[in-house]
All heavy atoms as atom14 arrays in JSON, in Angstrom:
{
  "sequence": "NSIYTWSAELYPTVIRGAGMGYLQIAGRLGSAMAPWVAKSLAVF",
  "atom14_mask": [
    [1, 1, 1, 1, 1, 1, 1, 1, 0, 0, 0, 0, 0, 0],
    [1, 1, 1, 1, 1, 1, 0, 0, 0, 0, 0, 0, 0, 0],
    [1, 1, 1, 1, 1, 1, 1, 1, 0, 0, 0, 0, 0, 0],
    [1, 1, 1, 1, 1, 1, 1, 1, 1, 1, 1, 1, 0, 0],
    [1, 1, 1, 1, 1, 1, 1, 0, 0, 0, 0, 0, 0, 0],
    [1, 1, 1, 1, 1, 1, 1, 1, 1, 1, 1, 1, 1, 1],
    [1, 1, 1, 1, 1, 1, 0, 0, 0, 0, 0, 0, 0, 0],
    [1, 1, 1, 1, 1, 0, 0, 0, 0, 0, 0, 0, 0, 0],
    [1, 1, 1, 1, 1, 1, 1, 1, 1, 0, 0, 0, 0, 0],
    [1, 1, 1, 1, 1, 1, 1, 1, 0, 0, 0, 0, 0, 0],
    [1, 1, 1, 1, 1, 1, 1, 1, 1, 1, 1, 1, 0, 0],
    [1, 1, 1, 1, 1, 1, 1, 0, 0, 0, 0, 0, 0, 0],
    [1, 1, 1, 1, 1, 1, 1, 0, 0, 0, 0, 0, 0, 0],
    [1, 1, 1, 1, 1, 1, 1, 0, 0, 0, 0, 0, 0, 0],
    [1, 1, 1, 1, 1, 1, 1, 1, 0, 0, 0, 0, 0, 0],
    [1, 1, 1, 1, 1, 1, 1, 1, 1, 1, 1, 0, 0, 0],
    [1, 1, 1, 1, 0, 0, 0, 0, 0, 0, 0, 0, 0, 0],
    [1, 1, 1, 1, 1, 0, 0, 0, 0, 0, 0, 0, 0, 0],
    [1, 1, 1, 1, 0, 0, 0, 0, 0, 0, 0, 0, 0, 0],
    [1, 1, 1, 1, 1, 1, 1, 1, 0, 0, 0, 0, 0, 0],
    [1, 1, 1, 1, 0, 0, 0, 0, 0, 0, 0, 0, 0, 0],
    [1, 1, 1, 1, 1, 1, 1, 1, 1, 1, 1, 1, 0, 0],
    [1, 1, 1, 1, 1, 1, 1, 1, 0, 0, 0, 0, 0, 0],
    [1, 1, 1, 1, 1, 1, 1, 1, 1, 0, 0, 0, 0, 0],
    [1, 1, 1, 1, 1, 1, 1, 1, 0, 0, 0, 0, 0, 0],
    [1, 1, 1, 1, 1, 0, 0, 0, 0, 0, 0, 0, 0, 0],
    [1, 1, 1, 1, 0, 0, 0, 0, 0, 0, 0, 0, 0, 0],
    [1, 1, 1, 1, 1, 1, 1, 1, 1, 1, 1, 0, 0, 0],
    [1, 1, 1, 1, 1, 1, 1, 1, 0, 0, 0, 0, 0, 0],
    [1, 1, 1, 1, 0, 0, 0, 0, 0, 0, 0, 0, 0, 0],
    [1, 1, 1, 1, 1, 1, 0, 0, 0, 0, 0, 0, 0, 0],
    [1, 1, 1, 1, 1, 0, 0, 0, 0, 0, 0, 0, 0, 0],
    [1, 1, 1, 1, 1, 1, 1, 1, 0, 0, 0, 0, 0, 0],
    [1, 1, 1, 1, 1, 0, 0, 0, 0, 0, 0, 0, 0, 0],
    [1, 1, 1, 1, 1, 1, 1, 0, 0, 0, 0, 0, 0, 0],
    [1, 1, 1, 1, 1, 1, 1, 1, 1, 1, 1, 1, 1, 1],
    [1, 1, 1, 1, 1, 1, 1, 0, 0, 0, 0, 0, 0, 0],
    [1, 1, 1, 1, 1, 0, 0, 0, 0, 0, 0, 0, 0, 0],
    [1, 1, 1, 1, 1, 1, 1, 1, 1, 0, 0, 0, 0, 0],
    [1, 1, 1, 1, 1, 1, 0, 0, 0, 0, 0, 0, 0, 0],
    [1, 1, 1, 1, 1, 1, 1, 1, 0, 0, 0, 0, 0, 0],
    [1, 1, 1, 1, 1, 0, 0, 0, 0, 0, 0, 0, 0, 0],
    [1, 1, 1, 1, 1, 1, 1, 0, 0, 0, 0, 0, 0, 0],
    [1, 1, 1, 1, 1, 1, 1, 1, 1, 1, 1, 0, 0, 0]
  ],
  "atom14_positions": [
    [[-47.1, -22.3, -19.76], [-46.78, -23.75, -19.81], [-47.95, -24.58, -19.37], [-48.21, -25.65, -19.96], [-45.58, -24.04, -18.91], [-44.26, -23.54, -19.47], [-44.2, -23.2, -20.68], [-43.2, -23.61, -18.72], [0.0, 0.0, 0.0], [0.0, 0.0, 0.0], [0.0, 0.0, 0.0], [0.0, 0.0, 0.0], [0.0, 0.0, 0.0], [0.0, 0.0, 0.0]],
    [[-48.7, -24.14, -18.42], [-49.81, -24.88, -17.87], [-51.02, -24.92, -18.82], [-51.76, -25.9, -18.8], [-50.23, -24.31, -16.49], [-49.18, -24.31, -15.56], [0.0, 0.0, 0.0], [0.0, 0.0, 0.0], [0.0, 0.0, 0.0], [0.0, 0.0, 0.0], [0.0, 0.0, 0.0], [0.0, 0.0, 0.0], [0.0, 0.0, 0.0], [0.0, 0.0, 0.0]],
    [[-51.18, -23.86, -19.59], [-52.34, -23.83, -20.41], [-52.32, -24.8, -21.56], [-53.33, -25.2, -22.13], [-52.54, -22.3, -21.01], [-54.0, -22.19, -21.4], [-51.58, -22.12, -22.25], [-54.32, -20.74, -21.78], [0.0, 0.0, 0.0], [0.0, 0.0, 0.0], [0.0, 0.0, 0.0], [0.0, 0.0, 0.0], [0.0, 0.0, 0.0], [0.0, 0.0, 0.0]],
    [[-51.12, -25.37, -21.89], [-51.03, -26.47, -22.84], [-51.8, -27.61, -22.36], [-52.61, -28.26, -23.09], [-49.61, -26.83, -23.12], [-48.92, -25.92, -24.15], [-48.33, -24.7, -23.76], [-48.71, -26.34, -25.46], [-47.69, -23.87, -24.67], [-48.07, -25.52, -26.35], [-47.58, -24.32, -26.0], [-46.9, -23.51, -26.88], [0.0, 0.0, 0.0], [0.0, 0.0, 0.0]],
    [[-51.55, -28.04, -21.1], [-52.24, -29.17, -20.5], [-53.77, -28.9, -20.45], [-54.61, -29.79, -20.82], [-51.7, -29.49, -19.09], [-50.29, -29.82, -19.24], [-52.44, -30.65, -18.51], [0.0, 0.0, 0.0], [0.0, 0.0, 0.0], [0.0, 0.0, 0.0], [0.0, 0.0, 0.0], [0.0, 0.0, 0.0], [0.0, 0.0, 0.0], [0.0, 0.0, 0.0]],
    [[-54.07, -27.77, -19.99], [-55.54, -27.37, -19.77], [-56.26, -27.4, -21.1], [-57.32, -28.03, -21.25], [-55.62, -26.0, -19.13], [-56.94, -25.66, -18.59], [-57.96, -26.51, -18.28], [-57.41, -24.36, -18.26], [-59.08, -25.81, -17.77], [-58.72, -24.47, -17.71], [-56.87, -23.1, -18.3], [-59.52, -23.39, -17.34], [-57.63, -21.97, -17.9], [-58.88, -22.11, -17.44]],
    [[-55.69, -26.77, -22.09], [-56.34, -26.69, -23.46], [-56.45, -28.12, -24.07], [-57.49, -28.43, -24.67], [-55.58, -25.8, -24.34], [-55.69, -24.44, -23.9], [0.0, 0.0, 0.0], [0.0, 0.0, 0.0], [0.0, 0.0, 0.0], [0.0, 0.0, 0.0], [0.0, 0.0, 0.0], [0.0, 0.0, 0.0], [0.0, 0.0, 0.0], [0.0, 0.0, 0.0]],
    [[-55.39, -28.92, -23.97], [-55.41, -30.24, -24.52], [-56.52, -31.11, -23.96], [-57.14, -31.95, -24.58], [-54.05, -30.97, -24.35], [0.0, 0.0, 0.0], [0.0, 0.0, 0.0], [0.0, 0.0, 0.0], [0.0, 0.0, 0.0], [0.0, 0.0, 0.0], [0.0, 0.0, 0.0], [0.0, 0.0, 0.0], [0.0, 0.0, 0.0], [0.0, 0.0, 0.0]],
    [[-56.81, -30.89, -22.64], [-57.87, -31.59, -21.99], [-59.25, -31.08, -22.21], [-60.27, -31.73, -22.05], [-57.6, -31.67, -20.44], [-56.35, -32.51, -20.11], [-56.05, -32.44, -18.63], [-56.55, -31.5, -17.89], [-55.28, -33.31, -18.18], [0.0, 0.0, 0.0], [0.0, 0.0, 0.0], [0.0, 0.0, 0.0], [0.0, 0.0, 0.0], [0.0, 0.0, 0.0]],
    [[-59.36, -29.8, -22.59], [-60.64, -29.15, -22.88], [-61.19, -29.65, -24.27], [-62.43, -29.6, -24.45], [-60.51, -27.62, -22.88], [-60.42, -26.99, -21.51], [-60.03, -25.52, -21.67], [-61.78, -27.09, -20.74], [0.0, 0.0, 0.0], [0.0, 0.0, 0.0], [0.0, 0.0, 0.0], [0.0, 0.0, 0.0], [0.0, 0.0, 0.0], [0.0, 0.0, 0.0]],
    [[-60.36, -30.11, -25.11], [-60.83, -30.54, -26.46], [-60.83, -32.06, -26.51], [-59.9, -32.73, -25.96], [-59.87, -30.01, -27.58], [-60.07, -28.59, -27.87], [-59.05, -27.68, -27.76], [-61.32, -28.11, -28.31], [-59.2, -26.29, -28.0], [-61.53, -26.81, -28.59], [-60.49, -25.83, -28.45], [-60.68, -24.57, -28.71], [0.0, 0.0, 0.0], [0.0, 0.0, 0.0]],
    [[-61.86, -32.76, -27.18], [-61.84, -34.14, -27.33], [-60.79, -34.6, -28.35], [-60.32, -33.83, -29.17], [-63.25, -34.43, -27.86], [-63.72, -33.17, -28.53], [-63.02, -32.08, -27.71], [0.0, 0.0, 0.0], [0.0, 0.0, 0.0], [0.0, 0.0, 0.0], [0.0, 0.0, 0.0], [0.0, 0.0, 0.0], [0.0, 0.0, 0.0], [0.0, 0.0, 0.0]],
    [[-60.34, -35.9, -28.31], [-59.31, -36.4, -29.14], [-59.61, -36.11, -30.63], [-58.66, -35.78, -31.37], [-59.18, -37.95, -28.92], [-58.81, -38.17, -27.6], [-58.13, -38.51, -29.85], [0.0, 0.0, 0.0], [0.0, 0.0, 0.0], [0.0, 0.0, 0.0], [0.0, 0.0, 0.0], [0.0, 0.0, 0.0], [0.0, 0.0, 0.0], [0.0, 0.0, 0.0]],
    [[-60.77, -36.3, -31.05], [-61.08, -36.17, -32.5], [-60.81, -34.81, -33.06], [-60.54, -34.66, -34.25], [-62.63, -36.55, -32.73], [-63.53, -35.47, -32.11], [-62.88, -36.77, -34.18], [0.0, 0.0, 0.0], [0.0, 0.0, 0.0], [0.0, 0.0, 0.0], [0.0, 0.0, 0.0], [0.0, 0.0, 0.0], [0.0, 0.0, 0.0], [0.0, 0.0, 0.0]],
    [[-60.81, -33.77, -32.29], [-60.45, -32.46, -32.73], [-59.33, -31.8, -31.95], [-59.15, -30.55, -32.06], [-61.7, -31.44, -32.8], [-62.31, -31.35, -31.42], [-62.7, -31.95, -33.85], [-63.36, -30.24, -31.33], [0.0, 0.0, 0.0], [0.0, 0.0, 0.0], [0.0, 0.0, 0.0], [0.0, 0.0, 0.0], [0.0, 0.0, 0.0], [0.0, 0.0, 0.0]],
    [[-58.63, -32.62, -31.18], [-57.56, -32.08, -30.34], [-56.43, -31.41, -31.24], [-55.98, -30.37, -30.87], [-57.01, -33.1, -29.45], [-55.99, -32.54, -28.41], [-55.62, -33.54, -27.31], [-56.83, -33.9, -26.55], [-57.28, -35.11, -26.41], [-56.68, -36.1, -27.01], [-58.33, -35.3, -25.69], [0.0, 0.0, 0.0], [0.0, 0.0, 0.0], [0.0, 0.0, 0.0]],
    [[-56.1, -32.09, -32.27], [-55.07, -31.58, -33.14], [-55.53, -30.27, -33.76], [-54.75, -29.3, -33.81], [0.0, 0.0, 0.0], [0.0, 0.0, 0.0], [0.0, 0.0, 0.0], [0.0, 0.0, 0.0], [0.0, 0.0, 0.0], [0.0, 0.0, 0.0], [0.0, 0.0, 0.0], [0.0, 0.0, 0.0], [0.0, 0.0, 0.0], [0.0, 0.0, 0.0]],
    [[-56.72, -30.19, -34.22], [-57.3, -28.93, -34.77], [-57.37, -27.85, -33.7], [-57.07, -26.7, -33.98], [-58.67, -29.23, -35.46], [0.0, 0.0, 0.0], [0.0, 0.0, 0.0], [0.0, 0.0, 0.0], [0.0, 0.0, 0.0], [0.0, 0.0, 0.0], [0.0, 0.0, 0.0], [0.0, 0.0, 0.0], [0.0, 0.0, 0.0], [0.0, 0.0, 0.0]],
    [[-57.82, -28.27, -32.51], [-58.01, -27.27, -31.39], [-56.63, -26.72, -31.05], [-56.53, -25.53, -30.92], [0.0, 0.0, 0.0], [0.0, 0.0, 0.0], [0.0, 0.0, 0.0], [0.0, 0.0, 0.0], [0.0, 0.0, 0.0], [0.0, 0.0, 0.0], [0.0, 0.0, 0.0], [0.0, 0.0, 0.0], [0.0, 0.0, 0.0], [0.0, 0.0, 0.0]],
    [[-55.69, -27.57, -30.87], [-54.29, -27.08, -30.48], [-53.69, -26.31, -31.64], [-52.95, -25.37, -31.41], [-53.41, -28.24, -30.05], [-53.91, -28.99, -28.85], [-54.07, -27.95, -27.4], [-52.39, -27.64, -26.92], [0.0, 0.0, 0.0], [0.0, 0.0, 0.0], [0.0, 0.0, 0.0], [0.0, 0.0, 0.0], [0.0, 0.0, 0.0], [0.0, 0.0, 0.0]],
    [[-54.03, -26.66, -32.86], [-53.57, -25.95, -34.02], [-54.18, -24.48, -34.04], [-53.4, -23.5, -34.26], [0.0, 0.0, 0.0], [0.0, 0.0, 0.0], [0.0, 0.0, 0.0], [0.0, 0.0, 0.0], [0.0, 0.0, 0.0], [0.0, 0.0, 0.0], [0.0, 0.0, 0.0], [0.0, 0.0, 0.0], [0.0, 0.0, 0.0], [0.0, 0.0, 0.0]],
    [[-55.49, -24.4, -33.72], [-56.1, -23.07, -33.67], [-55.4, -22.23, -32.53], [-55.2, -21.05, -32.73], [-57.58, -23.27, -33.38], [-58.2, -22.14, -32.59], [-58.39, -20.92, -33.17], [-58.69, -22.39, -31.27], [-59.06, -19.88, -32.4], [-59.27, -21.37, -30.56], [-59.43, -20.13, -31.11], [-60.05, -19.15, -30.4], [0.0, 0.0, 0.0], [0.0, 0.0, 0.0]],
    [[-55.23, -22.88, -31.39], [-54.59, -22.09, -30.29], [-53.14, -21.76, -30.57], [-52.67, -20.71, -30.16], [-54.67, -22.95, -28.98], [-56.1, -23.2, -28.51], [-56.1, -24.1, -27.29], [-56.79, -21.85, -28.14], [0.0, 0.0, 0.0], [0.0, 0.0, 0.0], [0.0, 0.0, 0.0], [0.0, 0.0, 0.0], [0.0, 0.0, 0.0], [0.0, 0.0, 0.0]],
    [[-52.49, -22.57, -31.39], [-51.16, -22.18, -31.81], [-51.2, -20.9, -32.73], [-50.34, -20.06, -32.63], [-50.49, -23.34, -32.66], [-50.02, -24.47, -31.8], [-48.69, -24.14, -31.11], [-47.69, -23.85, -31.73], [-48.74, -24.16, -29.83], [0.0, 0.0, 0.0], [0.0, 0.0, 0.0], [0.0, 0.0, 0.0], [0.0, 0.0, 0.0], [0.0, 0.0, 0.0]],
    [[-52.26, -20.86, -33.5], [-52.43, -19.64, -34.34], [-52.58, -18.41, -33.43], [-51.99, -17.39, -33.65], [-53.73, -19.85, -35.25], [-53.5, -20.98, -36.25], [-53.92, -18.46, -36.01], [-54.77, -21.3, -36.96], [0.0, 0.0, 0.0], [0.0, 0.0, 0.0], [0.0, 0.0, 0.0], [0.0, 0.0, 0.0], [0.0, 0.0, 0.0], [0.0, 0.0, 0.0]],
    [[-53.43, -18.54, -32.45], [-53.68, -17.5, -31.51], [-52.38, -17.05, -30.79], [-52.06, -15.89, -30.67], [-54.75, -17.88, -30.52], [0.0, 0.0, 0.0], [0.0, 0.0, 0.0], [0.0, 0.0, 0.0], [0.0, 0.0, 0.0], [0.0, 0.0, 0.0], [0.0, 0.0, 0.0], [0.0, 0.0, 0.0], [0.0, 0.0, 0.0], [0.0, 0.0, 0.0]],
    [[-51.65, -18.14, -30.31], [-50.44, -17.86, -29.59], [-49.39, -17.2, -30.5], [-48.66, -16.27, -30.08], [0.0, 0.0, 0.0], [0.0, 0.0, 0.0], [0.0, 0.0, 0.0], [0.0, 0.0, 0.0], [0.0, 0.0, 0.0], [0.0, 0.0, 0.0], [0.0, 0.0, 0.0], [0.0, 0.0, 0.0], [0.0, 0.0, 0.0], [0.0, 0.0, 0.0]],
    [[-49.27, -17.59, -31.75], [-48.36, -16.99, -32.7], [-48.76, -15.58, -33.06], [-47.85, -14.75, -33.39], [-48.22, -17.87, -33.94], [-47.51, -19.16, -33.73], [-46.52, -19.12, -32.52], [-46.99, -20.03, -31.49], [-46.68, -19.9, -30.24], [-45.9, -18.91, -29.84], [-47.07, -20.75, -29.33], [0.0, 0.0, 0.0], [0.0, 0.0, 0.0], [0.0, 0.0, 0.0]],
    [[-50.04, -15.32, -33.07], [-50.49, -13.86, -33.34], [-49.93, -13.0, -32.27], [-49.42, -11.95, -32.49], [-52.02, -13.9, -33.35], [-52.61, -12.46, -33.54], [-52.19, -11.81, -34.87], [-54.12, -12.51, -33.43], [0.0, 0.0, 0.0], [0.0, 0.0, 0.0], [0.0, 0.0, 0.0], [0.0, 0.0, 0.0], [0.0, 0.0, 0.0], [0.0, 0.0, 0.0]],
    [[-50.08, -13.45, -31.04], [-49.48, -12.69, -29.91], [-48.0, -12.59, -29.98], [-47.42, -11.54, -29.75], [0.0, 0.0, 0.0], [0.0, 0.0, 0.0], [0.0, 0.0, 0.0], [0.0, 0.0, 0.0], [0.0, 0.0, 0.0], [0.0, 0.0, 0.0], [0.0, 0.0, 0.0], [0.0, 0.0, 0.0], [0.0, 0.0, 0.0], [0.0, 0.0, 0.0]],
    [[-47.31, -13.68, -30.37], [-45.88, -13.73, -30.48], [-45.4, -12.81, -31.56], [-44.35, -12.22, -31.43], [-45.43, -15.17, -30.73], [-45.91, -16.04, -29.73], [0.0, 0.0, 0.0], [0.0, 0.0, 0.0], [0.0, 0.0, 0.0], [0.0, 0.0, 0.0], [0.0, 0.0, 0.0], [0.0, 0.0, 0.0], [0.0, 0.0, 0.0], [0.0, 0.0, 0.0]],
    [[-46.18, -12.75, -32.71], [-45.76, -11.9, -33.82], [-45.82, -10.44, -33.41], [-45.07, -9.63, -33.92], [-46.64, -12.19, -34.98], [0.0, 0.0, 0.0], [0.0, 0.0, 0.0], [0.0, 0.0, 0.0], [0.0, 0.0, 0.0], [0.0, 0.0, 0.0], [0.0, 0.0, 0.0], [0.0, 0.0, 0.0], [0.0, 0.0, 0.0], [0.0, 0.0, 0.0]],
    [[-46.73, -10.09, -32.51], [-46.8, -8.73, -32.07], [-45.7, -8.36, -31.02], [-45.39, -7.2, -30.84], [-48.2, -8.47, -31.41], [-49.36, -8.58, -32.36], [-50.95, -8.04, -31.58], [-51.14, -9.32, -30.32], [0.0, 0.0, 0.0], [0.0, 0.0, 0.0], [0.0, 0.0, 0.0], [0.0, 0.0, 0.0], [0.0, 0.0, 0.0], [0.0, 0.0, 0.0]],
    [[-45.13, -9.41, -30.44], [-44.16, -9.2, -29.31], [-42.99, -8.3, -29.67], [-42.66, -7.34, -28.97], [-43.68, -10.56, -28.78], [0.0, 0.0, 0.0], [0.0, 0.0, 0.0], [0.0, 0.0, 0.0], [0.0, 0.0, 0.0], [0.0, 0.0, 0.0], [0.0, 0.0, 0.0], [0.0, 0.0, 0.0], [0.0, 0.0, 0.0], [0.0, 0.0, 0.0]],
    [[-42.25, -8.54, -30.8], [-41.11, -7.64, -31.1], [-41.53, -6.18, -31.32], [-40.72, -5.25, -31.04], [-40.48, -8.3, -32.34], [-41.52, -9.13, -32.95], [-42.38, -9.59, -31.81], [0.0, 0.0, 0.0], [0.0, 0.0, 0.0], [0.0, 0.0, 0.0], [0.0, 0.0, 0.0], [0.0, 0.0, 0.0], [0.0, 0.0, 0.0], [0.0, 0.0, 0.0]],
    [[-42.69, -6.04, -31.96], [-43.19, -4.64, -32.23], [-43.59, -3.93, -30.9], [-43.22, -2.75, -30.73], [-44.34, -4.66, -33.18], [-44.0, -5.34, -34.42], [-44.17, -6.71, -34.79], [-43.47, -4.75, -35.65], [-43.76, -6.94, -36.05], [-43.33, -5.79, -36.63], [-43.08, -3.41, -36.03], [-42.8, -5.53, -37.9], [-42.57, -3.2, -37.31], [-42.45, -4.26, -38.17]],
    [[-44.29, -4.64, -30.08], [-44.73, -4.08, -28.79], [-43.52, -3.83, -27.86], [-43.39, -2.77, -27.26], [-45.77, -5.02, -28.13], [-46.09, -4.5, -26.69], [-47.05, -5.11, -28.91], [0.0, 0.0, 0.0], [0.0, 0.0, 0.0], [0.0, 0.0, 0.0], [0.0, 0.0, 0.0], [0.0, 0.0, 0.0], [0.0, 0.0, 0.0], [0.0, 0.0, 0.0]],
    [[-42.69, -4.81, -27.8], [-41.5, -4.76, -26.84], [-40.5, -3.75, -27.27], [-39.8, -3.15, -26.4], [-40.85, -6.14, -26.72], [0.0, 0.0, 0.0], [0.0, 0.0, 0.0], [0.0, 0.0, 0.0], [0.0, 0.0, 0.0], [0.0, 0.0, 0.0], [0.0, 0.0, 0.0], [0.0, 0.0, 0.0], [0.0, 0.0, 0.0], [0.0, 0.0, 0.0]],
    [[-40.29, -3.5, -28.54], [-39.21, -2.61, -29.02], [-39.72, -1.36, -29.73], [-39.38, -0.23, -29.34], [-38.35, -3.37, -30.0], [-37.57, -4.49, -29.33], [-36.58, -3.96, -28.31], [-35.73, -5.02, -27.68], [-34.85, -4.49, -26.61], [0.0, 0.0, 0.0], [0.0, 0.0, 0.0], [0.0, 0.0, 0.0], [0.0, 0.0, 0.0], [0.0, 0.0, 0.0]],
    [[-40.55, -1.44, -30.72], [-40.9, -0.28, -31.52], [-41.73, 0.77, -30.78], [-41.68, 1.98, -31.07], [-41.57, -0.71, -32.86], [-42.79, -1.39, -32.59], [0.0, 0.0, 0.0], [0.0, 0.0, 0.0], [0.0, 0.0, 0.0], [0.0, 0.0, 0.0], [0.0, 0.0, 0.0], [0.0, 0.0, 0.0], [0.0, 0.0, 0.0], [0.0, 0.0, 0.0]],
    [[-42.65, 0.33, -29.9], [-43.49, 1.22, -29.18], [-42.78, 2.09, -28.25], [-43.2, 3.2, -27.86], [-44.63, 0.46, -28.37], [-45.7, -0.17, -29.22], [-46.7, -0.86, -28.29], [-46.43, 0.91, -30.01], [0.0, 0.0, 0.0], [0.0, 0.0, 0.0], [0.0, 0.0, 0.0], [0.0, 0.0, 0.0], [0.0, 0.0, 0.0], [0.0, 0.0, 0.0]],
    [[-41.57, 1.65, -27.75], [-40.76, 2.5, -26.89], [-40.34, 3.81, -27.58], [-39.99, 4.78, -26.82], [-39.58, 1.71, -26.4], [0.0, 0.0, 0.0], [0.0, 0.0, 0.0], [0.0, 0.0, 0.0], [0.0, 0.0, 0.0], [0.0, 0.0, 0.0], [0.0, 0.0, 0.0], [0.0, 0.0, 0.0], [0.0, 0.0, 0.0], [0.0, 0.0, 0.0]],
    [[-40.33, 3.78, -28.87], [-40.03, 5.04, -29.56], [-41.0, 6.19, -29.28], [-40.63, 7.34, -29.14], [-39.91, 4.82, -31.13], [-39.7, 6.06, -31.88], [-38.86, 3.79, -31.44], [0.0, 0.0, 0.0], [0.0, 0.0, 0.0], [0.0, 0.0, 0.0], [0.0, 0.0, 0.0], [0.0, 0.0, 0.0], [0.0, 0.0, 0.0], [0.0, 0.0, 0.0]],
    [[-42.28, 5.76, -29.07], [-43.39, 6.72, -28.79], [-43.37, 7.11, -27.38], [-43.54, 8.28, -26.97], [-44.66, 6.17, -29.25], [-44.75, 5.89, -30.74], [-44.58, 4.54, -31.17], [-44.92, 6.85, -31.66], [-44.58, 4.23, -32.54], [-44.97, 6.61, -33.0], [-44.79, 5.27, -33.43], [0.0, 0.0, 0.0], [0.0, 0.0, 0.0], [0.0, 0.0, 0.0]]
  ]
}
């Protein structure tokens, strides 16, 4: 929750939308892995 504020302040206004968009991509990459890591890996 805190990293949203930190990241928004690390980028200037002119590219803040793009910066937060890029970080959303990164966050969703991790989120997309979550169901596989949390559930399917337990089989092994």
